[in-house]
């Protein structure tokens, strides 16, 4: 009888320890939350009802809620001790899920900087069918209004899906540029945004427009024009662009402005003269022979 009671007590003790261990391991993970670590300027949370609510340090963001950062503002979101996501000005992310396997967000617009330390909560950043995943890396990722994306790791290696077949590894010192439905471009991180413009060989033309061609960063946005008249084009995977620019009669100060999703910009300009006046033919007296 005594032996039976001892067995029951041992069994209860094992169950109690097992339950305590379960609570210690899994309850902490289940309590993972996306929390506002820093908030400067206009930082808002938008839920499924579409109503914005101002966020402050210590506030939490649940799945299916978005964080929007206004101009000249910034916010830092944290998950646990080692995972941080900094939203720069005019950026927005939507939290997709937070669980023991990691946190996943959708980058809706703008630029974010991520820091993920080994052993902390893994981070996934999605954008229009592309998925970026890191469990021990620092990286910057940006996307513009048309879906052009640039990924640049500053430490470690980041894995990417949805840009080409299979999975792509992007390491420190390498930049990945992507456009929905087009091939990704991998290159070394350039010191500055490239901009080479093929200006017309003649400074004066009679035409009503001029063709401007050139080369810049892969999938960069290019604006060509003057005053209130601008033509916007998207550079291709090799950075090449071409635009037709209307000309006014007389002097035209034509500018070419390139910008990539990371916010890097370059500009070139040149004067082009349009003179559509037909060349005058001097009159001459015709003399006939006797």
C-alpha atoms as a PDB file:
ATOM      1  CA  UNK A   1       0.000   0.000   0.000  1.00  0.00           C
ATOM      2  CA  UNK A   2       2.788   2.345   1.016  1.00  0.00           C
ATOM      3  CA  UNK A   3       4.667   1.515  -2.200  1.00  0.00           C
ATOM      4  CA  UNK A   4       1.576   2.352  -4.266  1.00  0.00           C
ATOM      5  CA  UNK A   5       1.212   5.721  -2.570  1.00  0.00           C
ATOM      6  CA  UNK A   6       4.879   6.469  -3.231  1.00  0.00           C
ATOM      7  CA  UNK A   7       4.452   5.637  -6.927  1.00  0.00           C
ATOM      8  CA  UNK A   8       1.450   7.956  -7.140  1.00  0.00           C
ATOM      9  CA  UNK A   9       3.401  10.762  -5.466  1.00  0.00           C
ATOM     10  CA  UNK A  10       6.342  10.265  -7.835  1.00  0.00           C
ATOM     11  CA  UNK A  11       3.999  10.317 -10.820  1.00  0.00           C
ATOM     12  CA  UNK A  12       2.374  13.522  -9.588  1.00  0.00           C
ATOM     13  CA  UNK A  13       5.796  15.073  -9.045  1.00  0.00           C
ATOM     14  CA  UNK A  14       6.879  14.179 -12.611  1.00  0.00           C
ATOM     15  CA  UNK A  15       3.661  15.599 -14.030  1.00  0.00           C
ATOM     16  CA  UNK A  16       4.096  18.773 -11.998  1.00  0.00           C
ATOM     17  CA  UNK A  17       7.665  19.263 -13.149  1.00  0.00           C
ATOM     18  CA  UNK A  18       6.683  18.529 -16.732  1.00  0.00           C
ATOM     19  CA  UNK A  19       3.870  21.081 -16.626  1.00  0.00           C
ATOM     20  CA  UNK A  20       6.161  23.672 -15.054  1.00  0.00           C
ATOM     21  CA  UNK A  21       8.737  23.055 -17.773  1.00  0.00           C
ATOM     22  CA  UNK A  22       6.095  23.349 -20.461  1.00  0.00           C
ATOM     23  CA  UNK A  23       4.935  26.665 -19.002  1.00  0.00           C
ATOM     24  CA  UNK A  24       8.497  27.913 -18.785  1.00  0.00           C
ATOM     25  CA  UNK A  25       9.400  27.023 -22.353  1.00  0.00           C
ATOM     26  CA  UNK A  26       6.231  27.509 -24.337  1.00  0.00           C
ATOM     27  CA  UNK A  27       4.320  30.150 -22.430  1.00  0.00           C
ATOM     28  CA  UNK A  28       7.177  32.606 -22.785  1.00  0.00           C
ATOM     29  CA  UNK A  29       7.258  31.996 -26.533  1.00  0.00           C
ATOM     30  CA  UNK A  30       3.480  32.271 -26.728  1.00  0.00           C
ATOM     31  CA  UNK A  31       3.742  35.678 -25.028  1.00  0.00           C
ATOM     32  CA  UNK A  32       5.994  37.070 -27.768  1.00  0.00           C
ATOM     33  CA  UNK A  33       4.746  40.490 -28.823  1.00  0.00           C
ATOM     34  CA  UNK A  34       5.766  43.181 -31.272  1.00  0.00           C
ATOM     35  CA  UNK A  35       6.421  46.188 -29.047  1.00  0.00           C
ATOM     36  CA  UNK A  36       7.200  49.821 -29.817  1.00  0.00           C
ATOM     37  CA  UNK A  37      10.738  50.503 -28.556  1.00  0.00           C
ATOM     38  CA  UNK A  38      11.120  54.019 -29.989  1.00  0.00           C
ATOM     39  CA  UNK A  39       8.634  56.457 -31.528  1.00  0.00           C
ATOM     40  CA  UNK A  40       9.535  59.876 -32.919  1.00  0.00           C
ATOM     41  CA  UNK A  41       7.089  62.116 -34.759  1.00  0.00           C
ATOM     42  CA  UNK A  42       3.953  60.627 -36.260  1.00  0.00           C
ATOM     43  CA  UNK A  43       3.730  56.884 -35.547  1.00  0.00           C
ATOM     44  CA  UNK A  44       0.336  55.193 -35.846  1.00  0.00           C
ATOM     45  CA  UNK A  45      -1.217  51.754 -35.605  1.00  0.00           C
ATOM     46  CA  UNK A  46      -3.968  50.888 -38.077  1.00  0.00           C
ATOM     47  CA  UNK A  47      -6.188  47.868 -37.420  1.00  0.00           C
ATOM     48  CA  UNK A  48      -8.612  45.961 -39.611  1.00  0.00           C
ATOM     49  CA  UNK A  49     -11.188  48.720 -39.045  1.00  0.00           C
ATOM     50  CA  UNK A  50      -8.894  51.210 -40.772  1.00  0.00           C
ATOM     51  CA  UNK A  51      -8.863  53.626 -37.843  1.00  0.00           C
ATOM     52  CA  UNK A  52      -5.417  55.074 -36.977  1.00  0.00           C
ATOM     53  CA  UNK A  53      -4.287  55.207 -33.341  1.00  0.00           C
ATOM     54  CA  UNK A  54      -1.173  57.067 -32.189  1.00  0.00           C
ATOM     55  CA  UNK A  55       1.523  54.776 -30.826  1.00  0.00           C
ATOM     56  CA  UNK A  56       3.916  55.413 -27.944  1.00  0.00           C
ATOM     57  CA  UNK A  57       6.837  53.526 -26.426  1.00  0.00           C
ATOM     58  CA  UNK A  58       5.599  50.338 -24.764  1.00  0.00           C
ATOM     59  CA  UNK A  59       2.523  49.867 -26.965  1.00  0.00           C
ATOM     60  CA  UNK A  60       2.041  46.487 -28.634  1.00  0.00           C
ATOM     61  CA  UNK A  61       1.124  45.649 -32.214  1.00  0.00           C
ATOM     62  CA  UNK A  62      -0.898  42.512 -32.946  1.00  0.00           C
ATOM     63  CA  UNK A  63      -1.170  40.394 -36.086  1.00  0.00           C
ATOM     64  CA  UNK A  64      -3.085  42.050 -38.945  1.00  0.00           C
ATOM     65  CA  UNK A  65      -2.273  45.497 -37.596  1.00  0.00           C
ATOM     66  CA  UNK A  66      -0.096  47.977 -39.478  1.00  0.00           C
ATOM     67  CA  UNK A  67       2.420  50.528 -38.234  1.00  0.00           C
ATOM     68  CA  UNK A  68       2.641  53.709 -40.298  1.00  0.00           C
ATOM     69  CA  UNK A  69       5.418  56.280 -39.881  1.00  0.00           C
ATOM     70  CA  UNK A  70       4.895  59.802 -41.180  1.00  0.00           C
ATOM     71  CA  UNK A  71       7.355  62.168 -42.871  1.00  0.00           C
ATOM     72  CA  UNK A  72      10.292  63.241 -40.702  1.00  0.00           C
ATOM     73  CA  UNK A  73       9.407  60.440 -38.269  1.00  0.00           C
ATOM     74  CA  UNK A  74      10.770  57.050 -37.248  1.00  0.00           C
ATOM     75  CA  UNK A  75       9.878  54.051 -35.119  1.00  0.00           C
ATOM     76  CA  UNK A  76      11.655  50.985 -33.764  1.00  0.00           C
ATOM     77  CA  UNK A  77       9.749  47.759 -33.168  1.00  0.00           C
ATOM     78  CA  UNK A  78      11.153  44.983 -31.001  1.00  0.00           C
ATOM     79  CA  UNK A  79      10.412  41.300 -30.415  1.00  0.00           C
ATOM     80  CA  UNK A  80      12.207  39.877 -27.400  1.00  0.00           C
ATOM     81  CA  UNK A  81      15.755  41.008 -26.666  1.00  0.00           C
ATOM     82  CA  UNK A  82      17.536  40.477 -29.960  1.00  0.00           C
ATOM     83  CA  UNK A  83      15.155  41.348 -32.817  1.00  0.00           C
ATOM     84  CA  UNK A  84      14.644  44.963 -33.920  1.00  0.00           C
ATOM     85  CA  UNK A  85      12.970  46.562 -36.931  1.00  0.00           C
ATOM     86  CA  UNK A  86      13.520  50.277 -37.548  1.00  0.00           C
ATOM     87  CA  UNK A  87      10.979  52.039 -39.762  1.00  0.00           C
ATOM     88  CA  UNK A  88      12.296  55.154 -41.440  1.00  0.00           C
ATOM     89  CA  UNK A  89      10.238  58.169 -42.529  1.00  0.00           C
ATOM     90  CA  UNK A  90       7.158  57.543 -44.725  1.00  0.00           C
ATOM     91  CA  UNK A  91       7.293  53.775 -44.172  1.00  0.00           C
ATOM     92  CA  UNK A  92       4.617  51.224 -43.282  1.00  0.00           C
ATOM     93  CA  UNK A  93       4.647  47.548 -42.271  1.00  0.00           C
ATOM     94  CA  UNK A  94       1.832  45.142 -41.454  1.00  0.00           C
ATOM     95  CA  UNK A  95       2.380  42.412 -38.862  1.00  0.00           C
ATOM     96  CA  UNK A  96       1.418  39.065 -40.380  1.00  0.00           C
ATOM     97  CA  UNK A  97       2.154  36.687 -37.517  1.00  0.00           C
ATOM     98  CA  UNK A  98       4.139  36.321 -34.294  1.00  0.00           C
ATOM     99  CA  UNK A  99       4.812  32.836 -32.965  1.00  0.00           C
ATOM    100  CA  UNK A 100       7.698  30.755 -31.536  1.00  0.00           C
ATOM    101  CA  UNK A 101       8.930  30.221 -35.119  1.00  0.00           C
ATOM    102  CA  UNK A 102       9.482  33.944 -35.628  1.00  0.00           C
ATOM    103  CA  UNK A 103       7.813  37.210 -36.567  1.00  0.00           C
ATOM    104  CA  UNK A 104       6.699  38.016 -40.113  1.00  0.00           C
ATOM    105  CA  UNK A 105       5.774  41.437 -41.483  1.00  0.00           C
ATOM    106  CA  UNK A 106       4.704  42.811 -44.860  1.00  0.00           C
ATOM    107  CA  UNK A 107       6.663  45.857 -45.993  1.00  0.00           C
ATOM    108  CA  UNK A 108       3.969  47.957 -47.620  1.00  0.00           C
ATOM    109  CA  UNK A 109       6.128  50.963 -48.470  1.00  0.00           C
ATOM    110  CA  UNK A 110       9.325  52.755 -47.520  1.00  0.00           C
ATOM    111  CA  UNK A 111      12.553  51.563 -45.964  1.00  0.00           C
ATOM    112  CA  UNK A 112      13.326  49.477 -42.864  1.00  0.00           C
ATOM    113  CA  UNK A 113      16.512  48.409 -41.119  1.00  0.00           C
ATOM    114  CA  UNK A 114      16.506  45.047 -39.361  1.00  0.00           C
ATOM    115  CA  UNK A 115      18.720  43.575 -36.660  1.00  0.00           C
ATOM    116  CA  UNK A 116      18.433  39.913 -35.708  1.00  0.00           C
ATOM    117  CA  UNK A 117      20.839  38.321 -33.234  1.00  0.00           C
ATOM    118  CA  UNK A 118      21.637  34.592 -33.061  1.00  0.00           C
ATOM    119  CA  UNK A 119      19.275  32.770 -30.712  1.00  0.00           C
ATOM    120  CA  UNK A 120      16.665  35.532 -30.802  1.00  0.00           C
ATOM    121  CA  UNK A 121      13.348  35.578 -32.672  1.00  0.00           C
ATOM    122  CA  UNK A 122      13.861  35.065 -36.446  1.00  0.00           C
ATOM    123  CA  UNK A 123      12.482  37.806 -38.710  1.00  0.00           C
ATOM    124  CA  UNK A 124      10.735  37.567 -42.059  1.00  0.00           C
ATOM    125  CA  UNK A 125       9.985  40.595 -44.249  1.00  0.00           C
ATOM    126  CA  UNK A 126       7.582  40.032 -47.147  1.00  0.00           C
ATOM    127  CA  UNK A 127       6.796  42.361 -50.038  1.00  0.00           C
ATOM    128  CA  UNK A 128       4.548  41.554 -53.006  1.00  0.00           C
ATOM    129  CA  UNK A 129       5.291  37.837 -53.117  1.00  0.00           C
ATOM    130  CA  UNK A 130       8.949  38.106 -52.121  1.00  0.00           C
ATOM    131  CA  UNK A 131      10.027  36.748 -48.731  1.00  0.00           C
ATOM    132  CA  UNK A 132      13.194  37.784 -46.873  1.00  0.00           C
ATOM    133  CA  UNK A 133      14.286  35.703 -43.862  1.00  0.00           C
ATOM    134  CA  UNK A 134      17.073  36.193 -41.315  1.00  0.00           C
ATOM    135  CA  UNK A 135      17.985  34.521 -38.022  1.00  0.00           C
ATOM    136  CA  UNK A 136      21.370  36.224 -37.464  1.00  0.00           C
ATOM    137  CA  UNK A 137      21.938  39.272 -39.680  1.00  0.00           C
ATOM    138  CA  UNK A 138      21.592  43.032 -40.072  1.00  0.00           C
ATOM    139  CA  UNK A 139      20.050  44.279 -43.292  1.00  0.00           C
ATOM    140  CA  UNK A 140      18.231  47.147 -44.992  1.00  0.00           C
ATOM    141  CA  UNK A 141      15.305  46.597 -47.343  1.00  0.00           C
ATOM    142  CA  UNK A 142      13.241  49.173 -49.218  1.00  0.00           C
ATOM    143  CA  UNK A 143      10.349  49.089 -51.666  1.00  0.00           C
ATOM    144  CA  UNK A 144       8.805  51.901 -53.722  1.00  0.00           C
ATOM    145  CA  UNK A 145       5.239  52.518 -54.879  1.00  0.00           C
ATOM    146  CA  UNK A 146       5.615  50.339 -57.996  1.00  0.00           C
ATOM    147  CA  UNK A 147       7.145  47.399 -56.134  1.00  0.00           C
ATOM    148  CA  UNK A 148      10.837  47.885 -56.943  1.00  0.00           C
ATOM    149  CA  UNK A 149      12.761  46.339 -54.046  1.00  0.00           C
ATOM    150  CA  UNK A 150      16.369  46.666 -52.894  1.00  0.00           C
ATOM    151  CA  UNK A 151      17.903  44.431 -50.222  1.00  0.00           C
ATOM    152  CA  UNK A 152      21.321  45.127 -48.729  1.00  0.00           C
ATOM    153  CA  UNK A 153      22.768  43.077 -45.810  1.00  0.00           C
ATOM    154  CA  UNK A 154      25.275  44.856 -43.577  1.00  0.00           C
ATOM    155  CA  UNK A 155      26.094  41.725 -41.530  1.00  0.00           C
ATOM    156  CA  UNK A 156      25.505  38.027 -42.006  1.00  0.00           C
ATOM    157  CA  UNK A 157      23.497  36.308 -44.727  1.00  0.00           C
ATOM    158  CA  UNK A 158      19.840  36.828 -45.630  1.00  0.00           C
ATOM    159  CA  UNK A 159      17.732  34.259 -47.493  1.00  0.00           C
ATOM    160  CA  UNK A 160      15.253  35.362 -50.144  1.00  0.00           C
ATOM    161  CA  UNK A 161      12.433  33.529 -51.892  1.00  0.00           C
ATOM    162  CA  UNK A 162      10.187  34.688 -54.706  1.00  0.00           C
ATOM    163  CA  UNK A 163      12.765  36.548 -56.804  1.00  0.00           C
ATOM    164  CA  UNK A 164      14.057  33.595 -58.834  1.00  0.00           C
ATOM    165  CA  UNK A 165      13.534  29.842 -58.693  1.00  0.00           C
ATOM    166  CA  UNK A 166      14.365  28.336 -55.314  1.00  0.00           C
ATOM    167  CA  UNK A 167      16.079  30.312 -52.574  1.00  0.00           C
ATOM    168  CA  UNK A 168      18.670  33.045 -52.993  1.00  0.00           C
ATOM    169  CA  UNK A 169      21.311  33.810 -50.370  1.00  0.00           C
ATOM    170  CA  UNK A 170      22.426  37.438 -50.142  1.00  0.00           C
ATOM    171  CA  UNK A 171      25.519  38.192 -48.074  1.00  0.00           C
ATOM    172  CA  UNK A 172      27.284  41.238 -46.706  1.00  0.00           C
ATOM    173  CA  UNK A 173      28.590  43.587 -49.411  1.00  0.00           C
ATOM    174  CA  UNK A 174      26.013  42.396 -51.959  1.00  0.00           C
ATOM    175  CA  UNK A 175      22.871  44.153 -53.138  1.00  0.00           C
ATOM    176  CA  UNK A 176      19.782  42.472 -54.567  1.00  0.00           C
ATOM    177  CA  UNK A 177      17.413  44.498 -56.770  1.00  0.00           C
ATOM    178  CA  UNK A 178      14.032  43.085 -57.713  1.00  0.00           C
ATOM    179  CA  UNK A 179      10.922  44.066 -59.651  1.00  0.00           C
ATOM    180  CA  UNK A 180       7.723  41.939 -59.562  1.00  0.00           C
ATOM    181  CA  UNK A 181       7.648  39.559 -62.510  1.00  0.00           C
ATOM    182  CA  UNK A 182      11.235  40.279 -63.575  1.00  0.00           C
ATOM    183  CA  UNK A 183      14.609  38.704 -62.869  1.00  0.00           C
ATOM    184  CA  UNK A 184      16.499  39.753 -59.761  1.00  0.00           C
ATOM    185  CA  UNK A 185      19.847  41.526 -60.092  1.00  0.00           C
ATOM    186  CA  UNK A 186      22.752  40.718 -57.756  1.00  0.00           C
ATOM    187  CA  UNK A 187      25.752  43.066 -57.626  1.00  0.00           C
ATOM    188  CA  UNK A 188      28.360  44.462 -55.285  1.00  0.00           C
ATOM    189  CA  UNK A 189      27.172  47.450 -53.266  1.00  0.00           C
ATOM    190  CA  UNK A 190      28.130  50.565 -55.275  1.00  0.00           C
ATOM    191  CA  UNK A 191      29.668  53.609 -53.604  1.00  0.00           C
ATOM    192  CA  UNK A 192      27.074  55.893 -55.248  1.00  0.00           C
ATOM    193  CA  UNK A 193      24.038  55.570 -57.470  1.00  0.00           C
ATOM    194  CA  UNK A 194      25.231  55.314 -61.068  1.00  0.00           C
ATOM    195  CA  UNK A 195      23.935  57.863 -63.595  1.00  0.00           C
ATOM    196  CA  UNK A 196      25.299  58.086 -67.132  1.00  0.00           C
ATOM    197  CA  UNK A 197      23.340  60.237 -69.606  1.00  0.00           C
ATOM    198  CA  UNK A 198      23.727  60.186 -73.378  1.00  0.00           C
ATOM    199  CA  UNK A 199      22.960  63.801 -74.225  1.00  0.00           C
ATOM    200  CA  UNK A 200      22.298  64.850 -77.867  1.00  0.00           C
ATOM    201  CA  UNK A 201      25.486  65.571 -79.778  1.00  0.00           C
ATOM    202  CA  UNK A 202      24.082  68.916 -80.988  1.00  0.00           C
ATOM    203  CA  UNK A 203      23.017  71.596 -78.531  1.00  0.00           C
ATOM    204  CA  UNK A 204      20.480  72.985 -81.024  1.00  0.00           C
ATOM    205  CA  UNK A 205      17.656  71.087 -82.710  1.00  0.00           C
ATOM    206  CA  UNK A 206      14.574  71.887 -84.797  1.00  0.00           C
ATOM    207  CA  UNK A 207      12.590  68.924 -83.426  1.00  0.00           C
ATOM    208  CA  UNK A 208       9.643  69.219 -81.033  1.00  0.00           C
ATOM    209  CA  UNK A 209      11.196  66.605 -78.734  1.00  0.00           C
ATOM    210  CA  UNK A 210      14.497  64.960 -77.959  1.00  0.00           C
ATOM    211  CA  UNK A 211      15.393  61.385 -76.970  1.00  0.00           C
ATOM    212  CA  UNK A 212      17.407  61.023 -73.763  1.00  0.00           C
ATOM    213  CA  UNK A 213      19.059  57.671 -73.071  1.00  0.00           C
ATOM    214  CA  UNK A 214      21.299  56.539 -70.280  1.00  0.00           C
ATOM    215  CA  UNK A 215      22.156  54.061 -67.550  1.00  0.00           C
ATOM    216  CA  UNK A 216      21.583  54.029 -63.792  1.00  0.00           C
ATOM    217  CA  UNK A 217      20.962  51.475 -61.026  1.00  0.00           C
ATOM    218  CA  UNK A 218      18.892  48.376 -61.743  1.00  0.00           C
ATOM    219  CA  UNK A 219      15.150  49.164 -61.655  1.00  0.00           C
ATOM    220  CA  UNK A 220      15.751  52.735 -60.451  1.00  0.00           C
ATOM    221  CA  UNK A 221      13.074  55.372 -61.085  1.00  0.00           C
ATOM    222  CA  UNK A 222      14.145  58.056 -63.595  1.00  0.00           C
ATOM    223  CA  UNK A 223      12.532  61.445 -64.236  1.00  0.00           C
ATOM    224  CA  UNK A 224      13.512  63.452 -67.309  1.00  0.00           C
ATOM    225  CA  UNK A 225      12.211  66.923 -68.168  1.00  0.00           C
ATOM    226  CA  UNK A 226      12.035  70.539 -67.065  1.00  0.00           C
ATOM    227  CA  UNK A 227       9.800  72.915 -65.111  1.00  0.00           C
ATOM    228  CA  UNK A 228       6.371  71.263 -64.796  1.00  0.00           C
ATOM    229  CA  UNK A 229       6.836  68.799 -67.672  1.00  0.00           C
ATOM    230  CA  UNK A 230       8.410  65.497 -66.592  1.00  0.00           C
ATOM    231  CA  UNK A 231       8.581  62.039 -68.109  1.00  0.00           C
ATOM    232  CA  UNK A 232       8.918  59.130 -65.676  1.00  0.00           C
ATOM    233  CA  UNK A 233      10.489  55.851 -66.758  1.00  0.00           C
ATOM    234  CA  UNK A 234      11.693  52.719 -64.972  1.00  0.00           C
ATOM    235  CA  UNK A 235      15.233  51.546 -65.659  1.00  0.00           C
ATOM    236  CA  UNK A 236      15.619  47.911 -66.706  1.00  0.00           C
ATOM    237  CA  UNK A 237      17.650  45.152 -65.018  1.00  0.00           C
ATOM    238  CA  UNK A 238      20.844  46.512 -66.568  1.00  0.00           C
ATOM    239  CA  UNK A 239      19.909  50.051 -65.524  1.00  0.00           C
ATOM    240  CA  UNK A 240      19.237  51.314 -69.043  1.00  0.00           C
ATOM    241  CA  UNK A 241      16.503  53.881 -69.655  1.00  0.00           C
ATOM    242  CA  UNK A 242      15.097  55.908 -72.557  1.00  0.00           C
ATOM    243  CA  UNK A 243      12.702  58.864 -72.529  1.00  0.00           C
ATOM    244  CA  UNK A 244      11.210  61.265 -75.067  1.00  0.00           C
ATOM    245  CA  UNK A 245      11.300  64.838 -73.757  1.00  0.00           C
ATOM    246  CA  UNK A 246       9.116  67.607 -75.275  1.00  0.00           C
ATOM    247  CA  UNK A 247      10.968  70.850 -76.034  1.00  0.00           C
ATOM    248  CA  UNK A 248       9.758  74.437 -75.931  1.00  0.00           C
ATOM    249  CA  UNK A 249      10.835  76.940 -78.538  1.00  0.00           C
ATOM    250  CA  UNK A 250      14.078  78.523 -77.443  1.00  0.00           C
ATOM    251  CA  UNK A 251      16.196  77.497 -74.469  1.00  0.00           C
ATOM    252  CA  UNK A 252      15.365  74.271 -72.563  1.00  0.00           C
ATOM    253  CA  UNK A 253      17.083  73.357 -69.304  1.00  0.00           C
ATOM    254  CA  UNK A 254      16.669  69.548 -69.313  1.00  0.00           C
ATOM    255  CA  UNK A 255      17.320  67.552 -66.153  1.00  0.00           C
ATOM    256  CA  UNK A 256      17.692  63.819 -65.524  1.00  0.00           C
ATOM    257  CA  UNK A 257      16.983  62.630 -61.967  1.00  0.00           C
ATOM    258  CA  UNK A 258      17.481  59.038 -60.811  1.00  0.00           C
ATOM    259  CA  UNK A 259      16.355  57.552 -57.483  1.00  0.00           C
ATOM    260  CA  UNK A 260      16.492  54.000 -56.131  1.00  0.00           C
ATOM    261  CA  UNK A 261      14.213  52.558 -53.390  1.00  0.00           C
ATOM    262  CA  UNK A 262      16.950  53.060 -50.772  1.00  0.00           C
ATOM    263  CA  UNK A 263      16.661  56.813 -51.295  1.00  0.00           C
ATOM    264  CA  UNK A 264      19.948  57.291 -53.178  1.00  0.00           C
ATOM    265  CA  UNK A 265      19.694  60.032 -55.819  1.00  0.00           C
ATOM    266  CA  UNK A 266      21.761  61.427 -58.708  1.00  0.00           C
ATOM    267  CA  UNK A 267      21.063  64.256 -61.118  1.00  0.00           C
ATOM    268  CA  UNK A 268      22.500  65.615 -64.371  1.00  0.00           C
ATOM    269  CA  UNK A 269      21.369  68.566 -66.487  1.00  0.00           C
ATOM    270  CA  UNK A 270      22.097  70.254 -69.793  1.00  0.00           C
ATOM    271  CA  UNK A 271      20.757  73.117 -71.926  1.00  0.00           C
ATOM    272  CA  UNK A 272      19.191  72.227 -75.272  1.00  0.00           C
ATOM    273  CA  UNK A 273      18.084  74.895 -77.756  1.00  0.00           C
ATOM    274  CA  UNK A 274      15.088  74.404 -80.015  1.00  0.00           C
ATOM    275  CA  UNK A 275      14.953  76.589 -83.138  1.00  0.00           C
ATOM    276  CA  UNK A 276      12.169  75.490 -85.464  1.00  0.00           C
ATOM    277  CA  UNK A 277      12.472  78.537 -87.758  1.00  0.00           C
ATOM    278  CA  UNK A 278      13.044  77.456 -91.348  1.00  0.00           C
ATOM    279  CA  UNK A 279      16.409  78.622 -92.698  1.00  0.00           C
ATOM    280  CA  UNK A 280      16.021  81.767 -94.833  1.00  0.00           C
ATOM    281  CA  UNK A 281      16.947  81.633 -98.533  1.00  0.00           C
ATOM    282  CA  UNK A 282      18.482  84.867 -99.752  1.00  0.00           C
ATOM    283  CA  UNK A 283      16.815  86.185-102.906  1.00  0.00           C
ATOM    284  CA  UNK A 284      18.928  86.646-106.017  1.00  0.00           C
ATOM    285  CA  UNK A 285      18.264  88.358-109.303  1.00  0.00           C
ATOM    286  CA  UNK A 286      18.109  86.061-112.330  1.00  0.00           C
ATOM    287  CA  UNK A 287      19.584  87.512-115.417  1.00  0.00           C
ATOM    288  CA  UNK A 288      18.879  86.075-118.847  1.00  0.00           C
ATOM    289  CA  UNK A 289      21.242  86.154-121.742  1.00  0.00           C
ATOM    290  CA  UNK A 290      20.661  88.404-124.803  1.00  0.00           C
END
